[in-house]
Protein backbone atom coordinates (compact mmCIF):
# COMPACT_ATOMS: atom_id res chain seq x y z
CA MET A 1 15.90 23.67 195.38
CA ILE A 2 14.49 23.55 198.92
CA GLU A 3 16.64 25.12 201.61
CA LYS A 4 17.19 22.67 204.51
CA ARG A 5 19.52 24.72 206.68
CA ALA A 6 18.33 25.80 210.11
CA ALA A 7 20.29 29.07 209.96
CA GLN A 8 21.26 31.33 207.04
CA ARG A 9 24.87 30.98 205.94
CA HIS A 10 27.10 33.91 205.07
CA ARG A 11 29.90 33.78 202.52
CA VAL A 12 33.39 34.12 203.95
CA PHE A 13 36.92 33.39 202.78
CA LYS A 14 39.02 32.60 205.84
CA GLY A 15 41.96 30.35 206.54
CA GLY A 16 41.21 27.68 209.10
CA THR A 17 42.50 24.46 210.56
CA ILE A 18 40.69 21.24 211.30
CA THR A 19 42.31 19.24 214.08
CA PHE A 20 41.74 15.73 215.30
CA GLU A 21 43.56 13.02 217.23
CA ASP A 22 46.15 12.25 214.52
CA GLY A 23 46.98 15.84 213.54
CA GLY A 24 45.58 18.78 211.63
CA ILE A 25 44.85 19.99 208.11
CA ALA A 26 44.68 23.52 206.73
CA CYS A 27 41.37 24.46 205.13
CA THR A 28 39.54 27.43 203.65
CA VAL A 29 36.22 28.32 205.27
CA ARG A 30 33.83 29.32 202.46
CA ASN A 31 30.60 30.00 204.36
CA MET A 32 29.36 29.96 207.94
CA SER A 33 26.24 30.13 210.04
CA GLU A 34 25.43 29.71 213.71
CA SER A 35 25.01 25.96 213.18
CA GLY A 36 27.67 25.03 210.62
CA ALA A 37 30.11 25.84 207.85
CA ALA A 38 31.43 24.70 204.50
CA ILE A 39 35.16 24.22 204.07
CA ASP A 40 37.45 23.51 201.14
CA LEU A 41 40.47 21.23 201.41
CA ASP A 42 43.46 21.16 199.04
CA SER A 43 42.91 17.46 198.37
CA PRO A 44 40.31 14.84 199.23
CA VAL A 45 40.98 13.50 202.73
CA THR A 46 39.23 10.94 204.89
CA LEU A 47 38.09 12.68 208.08
CA PRO A 48 37.02 11.25 211.43
CA GLN A 49 33.39 11.47 212.60
CA SER A 50 34.23 14.49 214.78
CA PHE A 51 36.98 17.11 214.84
CA THR A 52 37.63 20.76 215.71
CA LEU A 53 37.47 23.72 213.32
CA SER A 54 39.64 26.71 214.31
CA ILE A 55 39.96 30.14 212.71
CA ALA A 56 42.92 31.73 214.51
CA ARG A 57 42.34 35.34 213.40
CA ASP A 58 38.80 35.28 214.83
CA ASN A 59 39.61 33.27 217.99
CA PHE A 60 36.97 30.84 216.71
CA VAL A 61 36.96 27.18 217.83
CA ARG A 62 34.05 24.75 217.37
CA ASN A 63 33.62 21.00 217.57
CA CYS A 64 32.19 19.70 214.28
CA ARG A 65 30.96 16.68 212.41
CA PRO A 66 30.85 16.27 208.64
CA VAL A 67 27.33 16.36 207.17
CA TRP A 68 27.94 16.25 203.40
CA ARG A 69 30.87 16.09 201.02
CA SER A 70 31.48 17.07 197.40
CA ASP A 71 35.04 16.26 196.25
CA LYS A 72 37.16 18.81 198.18
CA ARG A 73 34.27 20.72 199.84
CA ILE A 74 32.78 19.48 203.11
CA GLY A 75 29.69 20.71 204.94
CA LEU A 76 30.05 20.78 208.72
CA ALA A 77 27.57 20.90 211.57
CA PHE A 78 28.72 22.43 214.84
CA VAL A 79 28.12 20.19 217.85
CA GLN A 80 27.74 21.13 221.48
């Protein structure tokens, strides 16, 4: 398999929240890099084209867009 990521991802297991205009959803952040992350959701959910990922314990907040999806796991790209 050819690696397409611009930055190496590191495995993590952190509680996070994705927020958007209509509310927020708890998620589990499974891996992260400088340019993106992969999150797990408890159930499949339709997400907007852009939203915010927050990890409270790390004071981490980034605007994101979904890049790929596999059932309950979603790959995110951080946007400026």
